[in-house]
Amino acid sequence: MANHNDLGKWGEETAVDFLLKQGYVVLERDWRYGRSKVDLDIICKTPDRHTIVFVEVKTRTSEQLADPEDAVDLRKIRHIGRAADSYVRMNDVVEELRFDIIGIVGMPNGADVTINHIEDAFNPLLI
C-alpha cells in the first residue's frame, strides 16, 4: 500500500476515534455503492441520534501548502452528494442529513496532531 494510503487510513481512524469520543455513532466506514470509485469516508449519527452525518476526512502531514479541508473541491462535493443520495435511498433514511469535513494534520505516532471538525461544511444540493 502506498504511503499516502497509509496516511489516509490513519487519518480516518483518528477521525472515527474523535467522533466516538464526541458521542457520535459510526454506522459505516468507506461506504461504496456498487462499483463506484467514490466512497463515503464515514457515515454516522449525531449524539442526539437525529441527524445522519456524511464525513469527508482529509489528512496531511503539514499545513505548509493549504489546510487539508481545502482539498474538498466542487467535484468532490458532487461525488459525495451522489454517493450520499444512493445511501439514503438504499437505507430508507428519514433523519436529517448533514455534510461535515474533518481535517487532520499530523503523522501516525506523532505528538502534534491537529483535528479540525467543520460541521455542516457544505450542501451538495446547492452546488
N, C-alpha and C. Protein backbone atom coordinates (compact mmCIF):
# COMPACT_ATOMS: atom_id res chain seq x y z
N MET A 1 0.86 -1.18 0.00
CA MET A 1 0.00 0.00 0.00
C MET A 1 0.90 1.24 0.00
N ALA A 2 0.53 2.24 -0.76
CA ALA A 2 1.33 3.46 -0.86
C ALA A 2 1.27 4.24 0.45
N ASN A 3 2.31 5.04 0.69
CA ASN A 3 2.38 5.82 1.93
C ASN A 3 1.19 6.73 2.10
N HIS A 4 0.71 7.37 0.99
CA HIS A 4 -0.44 8.26 1.13
C HIS A 4 -1.70 7.49 1.53
N ASN A 5 -1.80 6.23 1.10
CA ASN A 5 -2.94 5.41 1.52
C ASN A 5 -2.85 5.10 3.01
N ASP A 6 -1.63 4.81 3.48
CA ASP A 6 -1.44 4.57 4.91
C ASP A 6 -1.81 5.80 5.73
N LEU A 7 -1.38 6.97 5.26
CA LEU A 7 -1.70 8.22 5.94
C LEU A 7 -3.20 8.45 5.97
N GLY A 8 -3.86 8.20 4.84
CA GLY A 8 -5.31 8.37 4.77
C GLY A 8 -6.06 7.44 5.71
N LYS A 9 -5.63 6.18 5.77
CA LYS A 9 -6.28 5.23 6.68
C LYS A 9 -6.08 5.64 8.14
N TRP A 10 -4.86 6.10 8.45
CA TRP A 10 -4.60 6.59 9.81
C TRP A 10 -5.49 7.79 10.11
N GLY A 11 -5.64 8.69 9.15
CA GLY A 11 -6.49 9.86 9.35
C GLY A 11 -7.94 9.48 9.60
N GLU A 12 -8.44 8.50 8.84
CA GLU A 12 -9.82 8.06 9.05
C GLU A 12 -9.98 7.40 10.43
N GLU A 13 -9.00 6.61 10.85
CA GLU A 13 -9.04 6.02 12.19
C GLU A 13 -9.07 7.11 13.26
N THR A 14 -8.23 8.11 13.08
CA THR A 14 -8.17 9.23 14.02
C THR A 14 -9.51 9.97 14.07
N ALA A 15 -10.11 10.17 12.90
CA ALA A 15 -11.41 10.86 12.83
C ALA A 15 -12.50 10.03 13.52
N VAL A 16 -12.51 8.73 13.30
CA VAL A 16 -13.50 7.86 13.94
C VAL A 16 -13.34 7.93 15.46
N ASP A 17 -12.10 7.81 15.94
CA ASP A 17 -11.87 7.90 17.39
C ASP A 17 -12.37 9.24 17.94
N PHE A 18 -12.10 10.32 17.22
CA PHE A 18 -12.55 11.65 17.62
C PHE A 18 -14.08 11.70 17.71
N LEU A 19 -14.76 11.21 16.67
CA LEU A 19 -16.23 11.24 16.64
C LEU A 19 -16.83 10.40 17.77
N LEU A 20 -16.27 9.22 17.99
CA LEU A 20 -16.79 8.36 19.06
C LEU A 20 -16.66 9.04 20.42
N LYS A 21 -15.55 9.72 20.65
CA LYS A 21 -15.36 10.43 21.91
C LYS A 21 -16.35 11.58 22.06
N GLN A 22 -16.86 12.10 20.94
CA GLN A 22 -17.83 13.19 20.97
C GLN A 22 -19.27 12.66 21.11
N GLY A 23 -19.43 11.33 21.10
CA GLY A 23 -20.75 10.74 21.27
C GLY A 23 -21.45 10.34 19.99
N TYR A 24 -20.78 10.47 18.85
CA TYR A 24 -21.38 10.05 17.58
C TYR A 24 -21.43 8.52 17.52
N VAL A 25 -22.35 8.01 16.71
CA VAL A 25 -22.45 6.58 16.47
C VAL A 25 -22.03 6.34 15.02
N VAL A 26 -20.97 5.60 14.83
CA VAL A 26 -20.48 5.33 13.48
C VAL A 26 -21.29 4.18 12.88
N LEU A 27 -21.90 4.46 11.71
CA LEU A 27 -22.73 3.47 11.03
C LEU A 27 -21.95 2.73 9.94
N GLU A 28 -21.14 3.46 9.21
CA GLU A 28 -20.39 2.89 8.09
C GLU A 28 -19.05 3.59 7.96
N ARG A 29 -18.10 2.87 7.37
CA ARG A 29 -16.80 3.44 7.02
C ARG A 29 -16.46 3.00 5.61
N ASP A 30 -15.92 3.91 4.83
CA ASP A 30 -15.55 3.62 3.44
C ASP A 30 -16.72 2.99 2.67
N TRP A 31 -17.90 3.57 2.82
CA TRP A 31 -19.08 3.03 2.15
C TRP A 31 -19.02 3.35 0.67
N ARG A 32 -19.31 2.35 -0.13
CA ARG A 32 -19.25 2.49 -1.58
C ARG A 32 -20.47 1.81 -2.18
N TYR A 33 -21.05 2.43 -3.19
CA TYR A 33 -22.20 1.86 -3.86
C TYR A 33 -21.74 1.13 -5.11
N GLY A 34 -21.97 -0.16 -5.14
CA GLY A 34 -21.63 -0.95 -6.32
C GLY A 34 -20.16 -0.84 -6.67
N ARG A 35 -19.89 -0.58 -7.95
CA ARG A 35 -18.51 -0.48 -8.43
C ARG A 35 -18.01 0.95 -8.45
N SER A 36 -18.75 1.81 -7.85
CA SER A 36 -18.37 3.22 -7.83
C SER A 36 -17.00 3.42 -7.20
N LYS A 37 -16.22 4.32 -7.76
CA LYS A 37 -14.91 4.63 -7.19
C LYS A 37 -15.02 5.70 -6.10
N VAL A 38 -16.21 6.26 -5.95
CA VAL A 38 -16.41 7.29 -4.93
C VAL A 38 -16.91 6.62 -3.66
N ASP A 39 -16.25 6.91 -2.55
CA ASP A 39 -16.69 6.34 -1.29
C ASP A 39 -17.04 7.46 -0.31
N LEU A 40 -17.80 7.09 0.68
CA LEU A 40 -18.11 7.99 1.78
C LEU A 40 -17.23 7.55 2.93
N ASP A 41 -16.36 8.42 3.39
CA ASP A 41 -15.37 8.04 4.40
C ASP A 41 -16.02 7.53 5.67
N ILE A 42 -16.91 8.33 6.24
CA ILE A 42 -17.58 7.96 7.49
C ILE A 42 -19.04 8.39 7.40
N ILE A 43 -19.93 7.49 7.79
CA ILE A 43 -21.35 7.81 7.94
C ILE A 43 -21.67 7.55 9.40
N CYS A 44 -22.24 8.56 10.05
CA CYS A 44 -22.51 8.42 11.48
C CYS A 44 -23.79 9.16 11.85
N LYS A 45 -24.21 8.95 13.09
CA LYS A 45 -25.34 9.69 13.67
C LYS A 45 -24.79 10.63 14.73
N THR A 46 -25.43 11.78 14.83
CA THR A 46 -25.05 12.75 15.84
C THR A 46 -25.35 12.18 17.23
N PRO A 47 -24.75 12.77 18.25
CA PRO A 47 -25.00 12.28 19.61
C PRO A 47 -26.49 12.24 20.00
N ASP A 48 -27.29 13.16 19.45
CA ASP A 48 -28.72 13.15 19.78
C ASP A 48 -29.51 12.17 18.91
N ARG A 49 -28.84 11.52 17.97
CA ARG A 49 -29.41 10.48 17.08
C ARG A 49 -30.45 11.02 16.10
N HIS A 50 -30.49 12.34 15.88
CA HIS A 50 -31.49 12.92 14.98
C HIS A 50 -30.97 13.21 13.58
N THR A 51 -29.66 13.14 13.39
CA THR A 51 -29.08 13.54 12.11
C THR A 51 -28.06 12.52 11.64
N ILE A 52 -28.15 12.17 10.36
CA ILE A 52 -27.13 11.34 9.72
C ILE A 52 -26.08 12.30 9.16
N VAL A 53 -24.81 12.01 9.45
CA VAL A 53 -23.72 12.88 9.02
C VAL A 53 -22.80 12.10 8.08
N PHE A 54 -22.54 12.69 6.92
CA PHE A 54 -21.58 12.15 5.97
C PHE A 54 -20.30 12.96 6.18
N VAL A 55 -19.23 12.27 6.57
CA VAL A 55 -18.00 12.95 6.93
C VAL A 55 -16.91 12.65 5.90
N GLU A 56 -16.36 13.68 5.32
CA GLU A 56 -15.20 13.56 4.44
C GLU A 56 -13.97 13.88 5.26
N VAL A 57 -12.99 12.96 5.24
CA VAL A 57 -11.77 13.13 6.03
C VAL A 57 -10.61 13.44 5.08
N LYS A 58 -9.89 14.48 5.41
CA LYS A 58 -8.69 14.86 4.66
C LYS A 58 -7.53 14.93 5.63
N THR A 59 -6.44 14.25 5.28
CA THR A 59 -5.29 14.17 6.17
C THR A 59 -4.05 14.68 5.46
N ARG A 60 -3.26 15.45 6.17
CA ARG A 60 -1.99 15.97 5.65
C ARG A 60 -0.94 15.85 6.74
N THR A 61 0.32 15.79 6.31
CA THR A 61 1.41 15.72 7.29
C THR A 61 1.78 17.10 7.80
N SER A 62 1.44 18.15 7.03
CA SER A 62 1.71 19.52 7.49
C SER A 62 0.76 20.48 6.80
N GLU A 63 0.66 21.70 7.32
CA GLU A 63 -0.22 22.72 6.76
C GLU A 63 0.53 23.68 5.84
N GLN A 64 1.73 23.33 5.43
CA GLN A 64 2.56 24.26 4.68
C GLN A 64 1.89 24.79 3.42
N LEU A 65 1.22 23.93 2.66
CA LEU A 65 0.62 24.38 1.41
C LEU A 65 -0.81 24.88 1.58
N ALA A 66 -1.61 24.13 2.29
CA ALA A 66 -3.01 24.51 2.49
C ALA A 66 -3.60 23.63 3.59
N ASP A 67 -4.70 24.08 4.14
CA ASP A 67 -5.41 23.27 5.12
C ASP A 67 -5.96 22.03 4.40
N PRO A 68 -6.00 20.88 5.07
CA PRO A 68 -6.48 19.67 4.41
C PRO A 68 -7.91 19.78 3.90
N GLU A 69 -8.74 20.51 4.64
CA GLU A 69 -10.15 20.62 4.23
C GLU A 69 -10.32 21.40 2.93
N ASP A 70 -9.31 22.17 2.54
CA ASP A 70 -9.36 22.90 1.27
C ASP A 70 -9.34 21.96 0.07
N ALA A 71 -8.98 20.70 0.28
CA ALA A 71 -8.93 19.71 -0.80
C ALA A 71 -10.32 19.22 -1.20
N VAL A 72 -11.34 19.59 -0.46
CA VAL A 72 -12.71 19.19 -0.81
C VAL A 72 -13.25 20.25 -1.78
N ASP A 73 -13.09 19.95 -3.06
CA ASP A 73 -13.49 20.89 -4.10
C ASP A 73 -14.90 20.57 -4.63
N LEU A 74 -15.35 21.35 -5.60
CA LEU A 74 -16.71 21.17 -6.13
C LEU A 74 -16.92 19.78 -6.72
N ARG A 75 -15.92 19.27 -7.40
CA ARG A 75 -16.03 17.93 -8.00
C ARG A 75 -16.24 16.90 -6.90
N LYS A 76 -15.44 16.99 -5.83
CA LYS A 76 -15.56 16.05 -4.72
C LYS A 76 -16.91 16.17 -4.04
N ILE A 77 -17.39 17.39 -3.86
CA ILE A 77 -18.69 17.61 -3.23
C ILE A 77 -19.80 16.97 -4.05
N ARG A 78 -19.73 17.10 -5.36
CA ARG A 78 -20.74 16.48 -6.23
C ARG A 78 -20.72 14.95 -6.08
N HIS A 79 -19.53 14.36 -6.06
CA HIS A 79 -19.41 12.91 -5.90
C HIS A 79 -19.96 12.47 -4.54
N ILE A 80 -19.64 13.20 -3.50
CA ILE A 80 -20.15 12.87 -2.17
C ILE A 80 -21.68 12.96 -2.16
N GLY A 81 -22.22 13.99 -2.80
CA GLY A 81 -23.68 14.15 -2.87
C GLY A 81 -24.35 12.98 -3.57
N ARG A 82 -23.77 12.52 -4.68
CA ARG A 82 -24.36 11.37 -5.40
C ARG A 82 -24.28 10.10 -4.56
N ALA A 83 -23.14 9.88 -3.92
CA ALA A 83 -23.00 8.69 -3.09
C ALA A 83 -23.96 8.74 -1.90
N ALA A 84 -24.08 9.91 -1.27
CA ALA A 84 -25.00 10.06 -0.14
C ALA A 84 -26.44 9.81 -0.58
N ASP A 85 -26.80 10.29 -1.76
CA ASP A 85 -28.14 10.06 -2.28
C ASP A 85 -28.40 8.55 -2.43
N SER A 86 -27.42 7.82 -2.93
CA SER A 86 -27.56 6.37 -3.06
C SER A 86 -27.72 5.72 -1.69
N TYR A 87 -26.93 6.16 -0.72
CA TYR A 87 -27.02 5.60 0.63
C TYR A 87 -28.40 5.85 1.23
N VAL A 88 -28.88 7.08 1.09
CA VAL A 88 -30.19 7.45 1.65
C VAL A 88 -31.30 6.60 1.03
N ARG A 89 -31.26 6.42 -0.29
CA ARG A 89 -32.29 5.62 -0.97
C ARG A 89 -32.22 4.15 -0.59
N MET A 90 -31.01 3.60 -0.53
CA MET A 90 -30.85 2.18 -0.22
C MET A 90 -31.24 1.84 1.21
N ASN A 91 -31.08 2.81 2.11
CA ASN A 91 -31.32 2.55 3.54
C ASN A 91 -32.56 3.22 4.09
N ASP A 92 -33.38 3.78 3.20
CA ASP A 92 -34.62 4.45 3.61
C ASP A 92 -34.40 5.42 4.77
N VAL A 93 -33.38 6.25 4.63
CA VAL A 93 -33.04 7.21 5.68
C VAL A 93 -34.12 8.28 5.77
N VAL A 94 -34.59 8.55 6.98
CA VAL A 94 -35.61 9.58 7.20
C VAL A 94 -35.08 10.72 8.07
N GLU A 95 -33.90 10.53 8.67
CA GLU A 95 -33.33 11.55 9.53
C GLU A 95 -32.85 12.75 8.70
N GLU A 96 -32.58 13.84 9.41
CA GLU A 96 -31.95 15.00 8.78
C GLU A 96 -30.57 14.58 8.29
N LEU A 97 -30.05 15.30 7.29
CA LEU A 97 -28.73 15.00 6.75
C LEU A 97 -27.80 16.18 6.95
N ARG A 98 -26.52 15.87 7.11
CA ARG A 98 -25.51 16.91 7.26
C ARG A 98 -24.21 16.41 6.63
N PHE A 99 -23.44 17.34 6.10
CA PHE A 99 -22.17 17.01 5.47
C PHE A 99 -21.05 17.76 6.18
N ASP A 100 -20.15 17.00 6.80
CA ASP A 100 -19.04 17.56 7.57
C ASP A 100 -17.71 17.23 6.90
N ILE A 101 -16.71 18.00 7.27
CA ILE A 101 -15.34 17.71 6.88
C ILE A 101 -14.51 17.65 8.16
N ILE A 102 -13.65 16.65 8.24
CA ILE A 102 -12.67 16.60 9.31
C ILE A 102 -11.29 16.68 8.66
N GLY A 103 -10.56 17.73 8.99
CA GLY A 103 -9.20 17.90 8.51
C GLY A 103 -8.24 17.51 9.62
N ILE A 104 -7.28 16.67 9.26
CA ILE A 104 -6.30 16.20 10.24
C ILE A 104 -4.90 16.55 9.73
N VAL A 105 -4.12 17.16 10.59
CA VAL A 105 -2.74 17.48 10.28
C VAL A 105 -1.86 16.78 11.31
N GLY A 106 -0.96 15.95 10.84
CA GLY A 106 -0.05 15.23 11.73
C GLY A 106 0.42 13.96 11.08
N MET A 107 1.06 13.15 11.88
CA MET A 107 1.58 11.87 11.40
C MET A 107 1.30 10.78 12.43
N PRO A 108 1.15 9.54 11.95
CA PRO A 108 0.99 8.45 12.91
C PRO A 108 2.15 8.45 13.89
N ASN A 109 1.83 8.21 15.12
CA ASN A 109 2.82 8.19 16.20
C ASN A 109 3.45 9.56 16.45
N GLY A 110 2.85 10.60 15.88
CA GLY A 110 3.36 11.95 16.11
C GLY A 110 2.72 12.57 17.33
N ALA A 111 3.43 13.46 17.96
CA ALA A 111 2.91 14.10 19.17
C ALA A 111 1.92 15.20 18.85
N ASP A 112 2.16 15.93 17.77
CA ASP A 112 1.31 17.07 17.43
C ASP A 112 0.32 16.70 16.33
N VAL A 113 -0.90 16.38 16.73
CA VAL A 113 -1.97 16.07 15.77
C VAL A 113 -3.06 17.11 15.97
N THR A 114 -3.43 17.76 14.88
CA THR A 114 -4.49 18.77 14.92
C THR A 114 -5.71 18.21 14.19
N ILE A 115 -6.87 18.32 14.84
CA ILE A 115 -8.13 17.87 14.24
C ILE A 115 -9.05 19.08 14.13
N ASN A 116 -9.54 19.34 12.92
CA ASN A 116 -10.47 20.44 12.68
C ASN A 116 -11.77 19.85 12.15
N HIS A 117 -12.80 19.85 12.97
CA HIS A 117 -14.11 19.31 12.59
C HIS A 117 -15.00 20.47 12.15
N ILE A 118 -15.33 20.48 10.87
CA ILE A 118 -16.21 21.52 10.33
C ILE A 118 -17.59 20.91 10.13
N GLU A 119 -18.49 21.26 11.02
CA GLU A 119 -19.86 20.76 10.92
C GLU A 119 -20.61 21.54 9.85
N ASP A 120 -21.49 20.83 9.14
CA ASP A 120 -22.31 21.45 8.09
C ASP A 120 -21.44 22.24 7.12
N ALA A 121 -20.36 21.61 6.66
CA ALA A 121 -19.36 22.27 5.83
C ALA A 121 -19.86 22.63 4.44
N PHE A 122 -20.79 21.84 3.91
CA PHE A 122 -21.31 22.11 2.56
C PHE A 122 -22.64 21.41 2.39
N ASN A 123 -23.36 21.83 1.35
CA ASN A 123 -24.61 21.20 0.97
C ASN A 123 -24.54 20.89 -0.53
N PRO A 124 -24.43 19.62 -0.90
CA PRO A 124 -24.29 19.28 -2.32
C PRO A 124 -25.48 19.72 -3.17
N LEU A 125 -26.63 19.94 -2.55
CA LEU A 125 -27.80 20.38 -3.32
C LEU A 125 -27.66 21.83 -3.78
N LEU A 126 -26.78 22.57 -3.15
CA LEU A 126 -26.60 23.98 -3.51
C LEU A 126 -25.47 24.19 -4.49
N ILE A 127 -24.84 23.15 -4.93
CA ILE A 127 -23.70 23.25 -5.86
C ILE A 127 -24.19 23.10 -7.29
